[in-house]
Amino acid sequence: MEKDLSNYRKSYDKGELLLEEVPENPLELFQKWFHEVDLHFAEDETNAMTVSTLGLDGFPKNRVVLLKRYTYEGFIFYTNYESEKGKAIAANPNVCLSFFWHGAERQIIIKGRAEKIAENMSDGYFESRPVGSQLGALVSNQSEVIPNRAYLETKLSELEKEYEAKPILRPKYWGAIL
């Protein structure tokens, strides 16, 4: 298969980045752009970002996750620590985050070291999630092969019955990464 894409061209002219307008702290630029994109552009999920890790096989791997909080200390997302992503971060905490906001013609790349954060933050966020999302964290063994979709649906149905009248506690294998 082959397709020439050289005629796919676009003029990127929605804004300019002037050096004298760039704040000393790059997090302030991120906050400004994030706010502008969220307010003025029709991005489905402004907080969607690509997380790049170095896989256990030595190859880089990217996946899209949702940013849930940012501070001067860093960027927080939640994951299954036993997933391929979680294992890759545990083995090599050097990660790269990339935000691409197509409508605004903006992109920001952040490089740094990832680490788990305090369990109470993970607990608090987990408790705030809808029940379906909490059950999703229990039912889905990320990065694991499953026989079929029916397997997940059956497992979900069983968990819905099990937790019908009781709180769902955050599994220890699921939590926040900063």
N, C-alpha and C. Protein backbone atom coordinates (compact mmCIF):
# COMPACT_ATOMS: atom_id res chain seq x y z
N MET A 1 0.85 -1.17 0.00
CA MET A 1 0.00 0.00 0.00
C MET A 1 0.89 1.24 0.00
N GLU A 2 0.47 2.22 -0.75
CA GLU A 2 1.22 3.48 -0.81
C GLU A 2 0.27 4.60 -1.16
N LYS A 3 0.45 5.73 -0.52
CA LYS A 3 -0.34 6.93 -0.84
C LYS A 3 0.55 8.14 -0.62
N ASP A 4 0.64 8.97 -1.62
CA ASP A 4 1.42 10.20 -1.53
C ASP A 4 0.59 11.26 -0.82
N LEU A 5 1.09 11.78 0.28
CA LEU A 5 0.36 12.79 1.06
C LEU A 5 1.02 14.16 0.97
N SER A 6 1.93 14.33 0.02
CA SER A 6 2.68 15.59 -0.05
C SER A 6 1.81 16.79 -0.39
N ASN A 7 0.61 16.55 -0.94
CA ASN A 7 -0.26 17.68 -1.26
C ASN A 7 -1.18 18.06 -0.10
N TYR A 8 -1.06 17.38 1.03
CA TYR A 8 -1.81 17.76 2.23
C TYR A 8 -1.07 18.94 2.86
N ARG A 9 -1.53 20.12 2.59
CA ARG A 9 -0.86 21.30 3.11
C ARG A 9 -1.88 22.20 3.79
N LYS A 10 -1.39 22.91 4.76
CA LYS A 10 -2.24 23.85 5.47
C LYS A 10 -1.38 25.01 5.92
N SER A 11 -1.95 26.19 5.88
CA SER A 11 -1.25 27.36 6.39
C SER A 11 -1.63 27.54 7.85
N TYR A 12 -0.63 27.51 8.71
CA TYR A 12 -0.86 27.68 10.15
C TYR A 12 -0.64 29.15 10.49
N ASP A 13 -1.74 29.87 10.62
CA ASP A 13 -1.61 31.31 10.81
C ASP A 13 -2.59 31.88 11.84
N LYS A 14 -3.04 31.05 12.76
CA LYS A 14 -4.02 31.52 13.75
C LYS A 14 -3.39 32.33 14.87
N GLY A 15 -2.13 32.34 14.96
CA GLY A 15 -1.50 33.10 16.04
C GLY A 15 0.00 33.08 15.86
N GLU A 16 0.64 33.90 16.62
CA GLU A 16 2.09 33.90 16.57
C GLU A 16 2.62 33.83 17.99
N LEU A 17 3.81 33.34 18.09
CA LEU A 17 4.46 33.23 19.39
C LEU A 17 5.67 34.16 19.37
N LEU A 18 5.55 35.24 20.10
CA LEU A 18 6.63 36.22 20.16
C LEU A 18 7.46 35.96 21.40
N LEU A 19 8.75 35.89 21.23
CA LEU A 19 9.65 35.57 22.33
C LEU A 19 9.47 36.50 23.52
N GLU A 20 9.25 37.77 23.24
CA GLU A 20 9.10 38.73 24.34
C GLU A 20 7.79 38.54 25.12
N GLU A 21 6.86 37.77 24.58
CA GLU A 21 5.60 37.51 25.27
C GLU A 21 5.58 36.16 26.00
N VAL A 22 6.66 35.41 25.88
CA VAL A 22 6.73 34.10 26.52
C VAL A 22 7.15 34.29 27.98
N PRO A 23 6.34 33.80 28.92
CA PRO A 23 6.72 33.94 30.34
C PRO A 23 7.96 33.13 30.66
N GLU A 24 8.67 33.55 31.71
CA GLU A 24 9.87 32.81 32.13
C GLU A 24 9.54 31.38 32.52
N ASN A 25 8.43 31.20 33.20
CA ASN A 25 8.02 29.87 33.62
C ASN A 25 7.13 29.26 32.53
N PRO A 26 7.57 28.19 31.88
CA PRO A 26 6.79 27.59 30.79
C PRO A 26 5.42 27.09 31.24
N LEU A 27 5.26 26.78 32.54
CA LEU A 27 3.95 26.34 33.02
C LEU A 27 2.91 27.44 32.90
N GLU A 28 3.35 28.68 32.99
CA GLU A 28 2.42 29.80 32.82
C GLU A 28 1.93 29.89 31.37
N LEU A 29 2.81 29.58 30.42
CA LEU A 29 2.39 29.55 29.01
C LEU A 29 1.40 28.41 28.81
N PHE A 30 1.69 27.25 29.40
CA PHE A 30 0.75 26.13 29.30
C PHE A 30 -0.62 26.55 29.83
N GLN A 31 -0.64 27.15 31.01
CA GLN A 31 -1.91 27.54 31.62
C GLN A 31 -2.66 28.53 30.72
N LYS A 32 -1.95 29.48 30.15
CA LYS A 32 -2.57 30.49 29.27
C LYS A 32 -3.17 29.81 28.04
N TRP A 33 -2.38 28.97 27.38
CA TRP A 33 -2.87 28.30 26.18
C TRP A 33 -4.01 27.34 26.50
N PHE A 34 -3.88 26.59 27.58
CA PHE A 34 -4.93 25.64 27.96
C PHE A 34 -6.25 26.40 28.14
N HIS A 35 -6.19 27.51 28.86
CA HIS A 35 -7.39 28.31 29.11
C HIS A 35 -7.96 28.85 27.79
N GLU A 36 -7.11 29.37 26.92
CA GLU A 36 -7.56 29.91 25.64
C GLU A 36 -8.21 28.83 24.78
N VAL A 37 -7.58 27.68 24.70
CA VAL A 37 -8.13 26.59 23.90
C VAL A 37 -9.46 26.14 24.47
N ASP A 38 -9.53 25.98 25.77
CA ASP A 38 -10.75 25.52 26.42
C ASP A 38 -11.89 26.51 26.22
N LEU A 39 -11.58 27.78 26.19
CA LEU A 39 -12.59 28.83 26.09
C LEU A 39 -13.02 29.11 24.66
N HIS A 40 -12.07 29.09 23.71
CA HIS A 40 -12.35 29.62 22.38
C HIS A 40 -12.35 28.61 21.23
N PHE A 41 -11.93 27.39 21.48
CA PHE A 41 -11.84 26.44 20.38
C PHE A 41 -12.66 25.21 20.70
N ALA A 42 -13.17 24.59 19.67
CA ALA A 42 -14.05 23.44 19.85
C ALA A 42 -13.26 22.13 19.97
N GLU A 43 -12.38 22.08 20.93
CA GLU A 43 -11.65 20.84 21.19
C GLU A 43 -12.55 19.95 22.03
N ASP A 44 -12.67 18.68 21.64
CA ASP A 44 -13.52 17.76 22.40
C ASP A 44 -13.01 17.60 23.82
N GLU A 45 -11.75 17.38 23.96
CA GLU A 45 -11.16 17.20 25.29
C GLU A 45 -9.84 17.96 25.32
N THR A 46 -9.91 19.18 25.78
CA THR A 46 -8.72 20.03 25.86
C THR A 46 -7.64 19.37 26.69
N ASN A 47 -8.05 18.55 27.65
CA ASN A 47 -7.09 17.90 28.57
C ASN A 47 -6.53 16.59 28.03
N ALA A 48 -6.84 16.24 26.78
CA ALA A 48 -6.26 15.02 26.19
C ALA A 48 -4.79 15.28 25.87
N MET A 49 -3.95 14.32 26.24
CA MET A 49 -2.51 14.45 26.00
C MET A 49 -1.95 13.09 25.63
N THR A 50 -0.86 13.12 24.90
CA THR A 50 -0.14 11.90 24.58
C THR A 50 0.95 11.71 25.62
N VAL A 51 1.00 10.53 26.23
CA VAL A 51 2.06 10.18 27.16
C VAL A 51 2.99 9.21 26.44
N SER A 52 4.25 9.57 26.38
CA SER A 52 5.25 8.71 25.73
C SER A 52 6.17 8.13 26.79
N THR A 53 6.37 6.82 26.70
CA THR A 53 7.28 6.12 27.61
C THR A 53 8.21 5.27 26.77
N LEU A 54 9.23 4.75 27.41
CA LEU A 54 10.09 3.78 26.77
C LEU A 54 9.63 2.41 27.26
N GLY A 55 9.13 1.60 26.34
CA GLY A 55 8.60 0.29 26.70
C GLY A 55 9.67 -0.65 27.22
N LEU A 56 9.22 -1.71 27.85
CA LEU A 56 10.15 -2.71 28.38
C LEU A 56 10.92 -3.39 27.26
N ASP A 57 10.40 -3.31 26.03
CA ASP A 57 11.09 -3.88 24.87
C ASP A 57 12.09 -2.91 24.26
N GLY A 58 12.23 -1.72 24.86
CA GLY A 58 13.20 -0.74 24.38
C GLY A 58 12.66 0.22 23.34
N PHE A 59 11.42 0.05 22.92
CA PHE A 59 10.82 0.93 21.92
C PHE A 59 9.94 1.98 22.59
N PRO A 60 9.93 3.21 22.05
CA PRO A 60 9.03 4.22 22.59
C PRO A 60 7.58 3.83 22.31
N LYS A 61 6.70 4.23 23.21
CA LYS A 61 5.28 3.94 23.04
C LYS A 61 4.49 5.16 23.47
N ASN A 62 3.49 5.51 22.67
CA ASN A 62 2.62 6.66 22.94
C ASN A 62 1.20 6.17 23.17
N ARG A 63 0.49 6.88 24.03
CA ARG A 63 -0.93 6.63 24.19
C ARG A 63 -1.58 7.92 24.68
N VAL A 64 -2.86 8.08 24.37
CA VAL A 64 -3.58 9.28 24.78
C VAL A 64 -4.27 9.01 26.11
N VAL A 65 -4.06 9.92 27.05
CA VAL A 65 -4.73 9.86 28.36
C VAL A 65 -5.28 11.26 28.65
N LEU A 66 -6.04 11.37 29.72
CA LEU A 66 -6.61 12.66 30.09
C LEU A 66 -5.88 13.25 31.29
N LEU A 67 -5.43 14.47 31.12
CA LEU A 67 -4.83 15.22 32.22
C LEU A 67 -5.95 15.55 33.21
N LYS A 68 -5.70 15.31 34.49
CA LYS A 68 -6.73 15.57 35.49
C LYS A 68 -6.40 16.74 36.41
N ARG A 69 -5.15 17.15 36.44
CA ARG A 69 -4.77 18.30 37.27
C ARG A 69 -3.37 18.74 36.84
N TYR A 70 -3.12 20.03 36.94
CA TYR A 70 -1.75 20.50 36.77
C TYR A 70 -1.44 21.52 37.84
N THR A 71 -0.19 21.52 38.28
CA THR A 71 0.28 22.43 39.31
C THR A 71 1.70 22.84 38.92
N TYR A 72 2.32 23.67 39.73
CA TYR A 72 3.72 24.01 39.47
C TYR A 72 4.63 22.80 39.67
N GLU A 73 4.14 21.79 40.36
CA GLU A 73 4.93 20.56 40.56
C GLU A 73 4.88 19.64 39.36
N GLY A 74 3.82 19.72 38.56
CA GLY A 74 3.73 18.86 37.40
C GLY A 74 2.30 18.59 36.95
N PHE A 75 2.17 17.54 36.16
CA PHE A 75 0.92 17.19 35.49
C PHE A 75 0.46 15.84 36.01
N ILE A 76 -0.81 15.73 36.37
CA ILE A 76 -1.31 14.52 37.01
C ILE A 76 -2.32 13.81 36.12
N PHE A 77 -2.10 12.52 35.94
CA PHE A 77 -3.09 11.66 35.29
C PHE A 77 -3.19 10.38 36.11
N TYR A 78 -4.21 9.60 35.83
CA TYR A 78 -4.46 8.38 36.59
C TYR A 78 -4.36 7.18 35.66
N THR A 79 -3.88 6.08 36.22
CA THR A 79 -3.68 4.90 35.40
C THR A 79 -3.66 3.63 36.24
N ASN A 80 -3.69 2.52 35.55
CA ASN A 80 -3.50 1.22 36.17
C ASN A 80 -1.98 1.01 36.23
N TYR A 81 -1.43 0.90 37.43
CA TYR A 81 0.01 0.75 37.59
C TYR A 81 0.53 -0.55 36.98
N GLU A 82 -0.36 -1.53 36.80
CA GLU A 82 0.05 -2.82 36.24
C GLU A 82 -0.10 -2.88 34.73
N SER A 83 -0.57 -1.78 34.13
CA SER A 83 -0.68 -1.72 32.67
C SER A 83 0.72 -1.61 32.07
N GLU A 84 0.79 -1.75 30.77
CA GLU A 84 2.08 -1.59 30.08
C GLU A 84 2.66 -0.21 30.37
N LYS A 85 1.80 0.81 30.38
CA LYS A 85 2.24 2.18 30.69
C LYS A 85 2.78 2.27 32.10
N GLY A 86 2.05 1.72 33.06
CA GLY A 86 2.49 1.75 34.45
C GLY A 86 3.81 1.04 34.66
N LYS A 87 3.96 -0.11 34.03
CA LYS A 87 5.22 -0.87 34.16
C LYS A 87 6.38 -0.13 33.50
N ALA A 88 6.10 0.51 32.36
CA ALA A 88 7.16 1.26 31.68
C ALA A 88 7.62 2.44 32.53
N ILE A 89 6.69 3.13 33.18
CA ILE A 89 7.04 4.26 34.04
C ILE A 89 7.82 3.79 35.25
N ALA A 90 7.43 2.64 35.82
CA ALA A 90 8.15 2.11 36.98
C ALA A 90 9.59 1.75 36.60
N ALA A 91 9.79 1.22 35.39
CA ALA A 91 11.12 0.81 34.95
C ALA A 91 11.98 2.00 34.52
N ASN A 92 11.35 2.99 33.90
CA ASN A 92 12.06 4.18 33.42
C ASN A 92 11.12 5.37 33.54
N PRO A 93 11.27 6.19 34.57
CA PRO A 93 10.32 7.26 34.82
C PRO A 93 10.42 8.47 33.88
N ASN A 94 11.34 8.44 32.93
CA ASN A 94 11.45 9.55 31.97
C ASN A 94 10.30 9.46 30.98
N VAL A 95 9.46 10.49 30.97
CA VAL A 95 8.29 10.50 30.09
C VAL A 95 8.23 11.81 29.32
N CYS A 96 7.41 11.80 28.31
CA CYS A 96 7.16 13.00 27.52
C CYS A 96 5.64 13.13 27.36
N LEU A 97 5.12 14.31 27.63
CA LEU A 97 3.71 14.61 27.43
C LEU A 97 3.60 15.54 26.24
N SER A 98 2.59 15.34 25.43
CA SER A 98 2.38 16.21 24.29
C SER A 98 0.90 16.59 24.21
N PHE A 99 0.65 17.88 24.17
CA PHE A 99 -0.70 18.40 23.98
C PHE A 99 -0.74 18.99 22.57
N PHE A 100 -1.69 18.54 21.76
CA PHE A 100 -1.86 19.11 20.43
C PHE A 100 -3.30 19.58 20.32
N TRP A 101 -3.45 20.88 20.16
CA TRP A 101 -4.76 21.48 20.04
C TRP A 101 -4.93 21.95 18.60
N HIS A 102 -5.50 21.09 17.79
CA HIS A 102 -5.61 21.30 16.35
C HIS A 102 -6.29 22.61 16.01
N GLY A 103 -7.44 22.86 16.61
CA GLY A 103 -8.20 24.07 16.28
C GLY A 103 -7.45 25.35 16.58
N ALA A 104 -6.62 25.34 17.59
CA ALA A 104 -5.86 26.54 17.97
C ALA A 104 -4.49 26.59 17.31
N GLU A 105 -4.14 25.52 16.62
CA GLU A 105 -2.81 25.42 16.00
C GLU A 105 -1.71 25.62 17.04
N ARG A 106 -1.87 24.93 18.15
CA ARG A 106 -0.91 25.01 19.25
C ARG A 106 -0.48 23.62 19.68
N GLN A 107 0.74 23.53 20.13
CA GLN A 107 1.27 22.28 20.66
C GLN A 107 2.27 22.60 21.76
N ILE A 108 2.20 21.81 22.82
CA ILE A 108 3.17 21.95 23.91
C ILE A 108 3.69 20.57 24.24
N ILE A 109 4.99 20.48 24.43
CA ILE A 109 5.63 19.22 24.80
C ILE A 109 6.31 19.42 26.15
N ILE A 110 6.10 18.47 27.04
CA ILE A 110 6.68 18.53 28.39
C ILE A 110 7.47 17.25 28.63
N LYS A 111 8.71 17.38 29.05
CA LYS A 111 9.52 16.21 29.40
C LYS A 111 9.83 16.25 30.88
N GLY A 112 9.85 15.07 31.49
CA GLY A 112 10.17 15.03 32.91
C GLY A 112 10.17 13.62 33.45
N ARG A 113 10.27 13.53 34.76
CA ARG A 113 10.29 12.23 35.45
C ARG A 113 8.95 12.03 36.15
N ALA A 114 8.34 10.89 35.89
CA ALA A 114 7.04 10.57 36.46
C ALA A 114 7.21 9.80 37.76
N GLU A 115 6.25 9.98 38.65
CA GLU A 115 6.27 9.23 39.91
C GLU A 115 4.84 9.11 40.43
N LYS A 116 4.61 8.07 41.22
CA LYS A 116 3.32 7.93 41.90
C LYS A 116 3.22 9.04 42.94
N ILE A 117 2.00 9.48 43.21
CA ILE A 117 1.83 10.49 44.24
C ILE A 117 1.05 9.90 45.41
N ALA A 118 0.85 10.69 46.43
CA ALA A 118 0.24 10.22 47.68
C ALA A 118 -1.05 9.46 47.43
N GLU A 119 -1.19 8.34 48.13
CA GLU A 119 -2.36 7.48 47.96
C GLU A 119 -3.65 8.21 48.28
N ASN A 120 -3.62 9.14 49.23
CA ASN A 120 -4.87 9.83 49.58
C ASN A 120 -5.40 10.67 48.42
N MET A 121 -4.50 11.19 47.55
CA MET A 121 -4.97 11.91 46.36
C MET A 121 -5.65 10.96 45.40
N SER A 122 -5.06 9.78 45.23
CA SER A 122 -5.66 8.78 44.35
C SER A 122 -7.01 8.34 44.92
N ASP A 123 -7.06 8.13 46.23
CA ASP A 123 -8.32 7.72 46.88
C ASP A 123 -9.40 8.78 46.66
N GLY A 124 -9.05 10.03 46.90
CA GLY A 124 -10.02 11.12 46.76
C GLY A 124 -10.56 11.22 45.35
N TYR A 125 -9.67 11.13 44.36
CA TYR A 125 -10.13 11.22 42.98
C TYR A 125 -10.99 10.01 42.62
N PHE A 126 -10.56 8.82 43.04
CA PHE A 126 -11.31 7.60 42.73
C PHE A 126 -12.73 7.70 43.28
N GLU A 127 -12.86 8.18 44.51
CA GLU A 127 -14.19 8.32 45.14
C GLU A 127 -15.07 9.31 44.39
N SER A 128 -14.46 10.30 43.73
CA SER A 128 -15.24 11.31 43.01
C SER A 128 -15.73 10.83 41.65
N ARG A 129 -15.20 9.72 41.18
CA ARG A 129 -15.56 9.22 39.85
C ARG A 129 -16.96 8.60 39.85
N PRO A 130 -17.64 8.63 38.71
CA PRO A 130 -18.92 7.93 38.62
C PRO A 130 -18.72 6.43 38.89
N VAL A 131 -19.75 5.78 39.39
CA VAL A 131 -19.67 4.35 39.72
C VAL A 131 -19.20 3.54 38.51
N GLY A 132 -19.70 3.87 37.32
CA GLY A 132 -19.30 3.14 36.12
C GLY A 132 -17.81 3.22 35.86
N SER A 133 -17.23 4.38 36.13
CA SER A 133 -15.78 4.55 35.95
C SER A 133 -15.01 3.79 37.02
N GLN A 134 -15.53 3.79 38.24
CA GLN A 134 -14.89 3.02 39.31
C GLN A 134 -14.89 1.53 38.95
N LEU A 135 -16.03 1.04 38.49
CA LEU A 135 -16.12 -0.37 38.11
C LEU A 135 -15.21 -0.66 36.92
N GLY A 136 -15.10 0.31 36.01
CA GLY A 136 -14.21 0.14 34.86
C GLY A 136 -12.77 -0.10 35.28
N ALA A 137 -12.35 0.56 36.35
CA ALA A 137 -10.98 0.35 36.86
C ALA A 137 -10.81 -1.06 37.41
N LEU A 138 -11.89 -1.64 37.91
CA LEU A 138 -11.82 -3.00 38.45
C LEU A 138 -11.92 -4.05 37.36
N VAL A 139 -12.74 -3.79 36.36
CA VAL A 139 -13.04 -4.81 35.36
C VAL A 139 -11.95 -4.92 34.29
N SER A 140 -11.25 -3.84 34.05
CA SER A 140 -10.31 -3.81 32.93
C SER A 140 -8.87 -4.01 33.39
N ASN A 141 -8.27 -5.09 32.98
CA ASN A 141 -6.84 -5.30 33.18
C ASN A 141 -6.13 -4.72 31.97
N GLN A 142 -5.82 -3.44 32.05
CA GLN A 142 -5.22 -2.76 30.90
C GLN A 142 -4.02 -3.52 30.37
N SER A 143 -3.90 -3.52 29.06
CA SER A 143 -2.78 -4.12 28.34
C SER A 143 -2.82 -5.64 28.33
N GLU A 144 -3.85 -6.24 28.91
CA GLU A 144 -3.98 -7.70 28.92
C GLU A 144 -4.93 -8.13 27.80
N VAL A 145 -4.63 -9.25 27.18
CA VAL A 145 -5.49 -9.80 26.14
C VAL A 145 -6.72 -10.41 26.80
N ILE A 146 -7.88 -10.14 26.22
CA ILE A 146 -9.12 -10.74 26.72
C ILE A 146 -9.72 -11.61 25.61
N PRO A 147 -10.52 -12.61 25.97
CA PRO A 147 -11.06 -13.49 24.94
C PRO A 147 -12.02 -12.77 23.99
N ASN A 148 -12.84 -11.87 24.53
CA ASN A 148 -13.81 -11.13 23.71
C ASN A 148 -14.50 -10.07 24.57
N ARG A 149 -15.32 -9.27 23.93
CA ARG A 149 -16.02 -8.20 24.65
C ARG A 149 -17.00 -8.77 25.67
N ALA A 150 -17.62 -9.89 25.34
CA ALA A 150 -18.59 -10.51 26.24
C ALA A 150 -17.95 -10.83 27.59
N TYR A 151 -16.67 -11.17 27.58
CA TYR A 151 -15.95 -11.46 28.82
C TYR A 151 -15.98 -10.24 29.74
N LEU A 152 -15.68 -9.05 29.18
CA LEU A 152 -15.70 -7.81 29.98
C LEU A 152 -17.12 -7.48 30.45
N GLU A 153 -18.10 -7.67 29.57
CA GLU A 153 -19.47 -7.36 29.94
C GLU A 153 -19.97 -8.27 31.06
N THR A 154 -19.60 -9.54 31.01
CA THR A 154 -19.98 -10.48 32.07
C THR A 154 -19.31 -10.09 33.38
N LYS A 155 -18.03 -9.79 33.31
CA LYS A 155 -17.29 -9.39 34.51
C LYS A 155 -17.87 -8.11 35.10
N LEU A 156 -18.23 -7.16 34.25
CA LEU A 156 -18.83 -5.91 34.72
C LEU A 156 -20.16 -6.18 35.41
N SER A 157 -20.97 -7.02 34.81
CA SER A 157 -22.27 -7.37 35.40
C SER A 157 -22.10 -8.00 36.78
N GLU A 158 -21.12 -8.87 36.92
CA GLU A 158 -20.84 -9.51 38.21
C GLU A 158 -20.42 -8.46 39.25
N LEU A 159 -19.56 -7.53 38.84
CA LEU A 159 -19.10 -6.49 39.77
C LEU A 159 -20.22 -5.53 40.15
N GLU A 160 -21.12 -5.23 39.20
CA GLU A 160 -22.26 -4.36 39.51
C GLU A 160 -23.12 -4.98 40.61
N LYS A 161 -23.32 -6.28 40.53
CA LYS A 161 -24.10 -6.98 41.57
C LYS A 161 -23.34 -7.00 42.90
N GLU A 162 -22.05 -7.26 42.83
CA GLU A 162 -21.24 -7.35 44.05
C GLU A 162 -21.20 -6.02 44.80
N TYR A 163 -21.13 -4.91 44.06
CA TYR A 163 -20.98 -3.59 44.69
C TYR A 163 -22.28 -2.78 44.68
N GLU A 164 -23.39 -3.43 44.47
CA GLU A 164 -24.67 -2.73 44.35
C GLU A 164 -24.97 -1.83 45.56
N ALA A 165 -24.69 -2.30 46.74
CA ALA A 165 -25.05 -1.53 47.94
C ALA A 165 -23.85 -1.19 48.82
N LYS A 166 -22.66 -1.23 48.25
CA LYS A 166 -21.50 -0.90 49.07
C LYS A 166 -20.51 -0.06 48.28
N PRO A 167 -19.71 0.71 48.99
CA PRO A 167 -18.75 1.59 48.30
C PRO A 167 -17.66 0.77 47.60
N ILE A 168 -17.16 1.34 46.52
CA ILE A 168 -16.09 0.70 45.76
C ILE A 168 -14.78 1.37 46.17
N LEU A 169 -13.88 0.60 46.72
CA LEU A 169 -12.59 1.15 47.14
C LEU A 169 -11.62 1.11 45.97
N ARG A 170 -10.74 2.09 45.95
CA ARG A 170 -9.72 2.16 44.90
C ARG A 170 -8.81 0.94 44.99
N PRO A 171 -8.65 0.24 43.86
CA PRO A 171 -7.70 -0.87 43.89
C PRO A 171 -6.27 -0.34 44.02
N LYS A 172 -5.43 -1.05 44.71
CA LYS A 172 -4.04 -0.61 44.96
C LYS A 172 -3.23 -0.47 43.67
N TYR A 173 -3.67 -1.15 42.61
CA TYR A 173 -2.94 -1.10 41.34
C TYR A 173 -3.37 0.09 40.47
N TRP A 174 -4.20 0.97 40.99
CA TRP A 174 -4.72 2.09 40.21
C TRP A 174 -4.46 3.38 40.98
N GLY A 175 -3.96 4.41 40.29
CA GLY A 175 -3.74 5.66 40.99
C GLY A 175 -3.11 6.74 40.13
N ALA A 176 -2.64 7.76 40.83
CA ALA A 176 -2.15 8.97 40.18
C ALA A 176 -0.66 8.89 39.86
N ILE A 177 -0.34 9.50 38.74
CA ILE A 177 1.05 9.69 38.31
C ILE A 177 1.24 11.20 38.14
N LEU A 178 2.33 11.71 38.69
CA LEU A 178 2.70 13.12 38.56
C LEU A 178 3.91 13.19 37.65
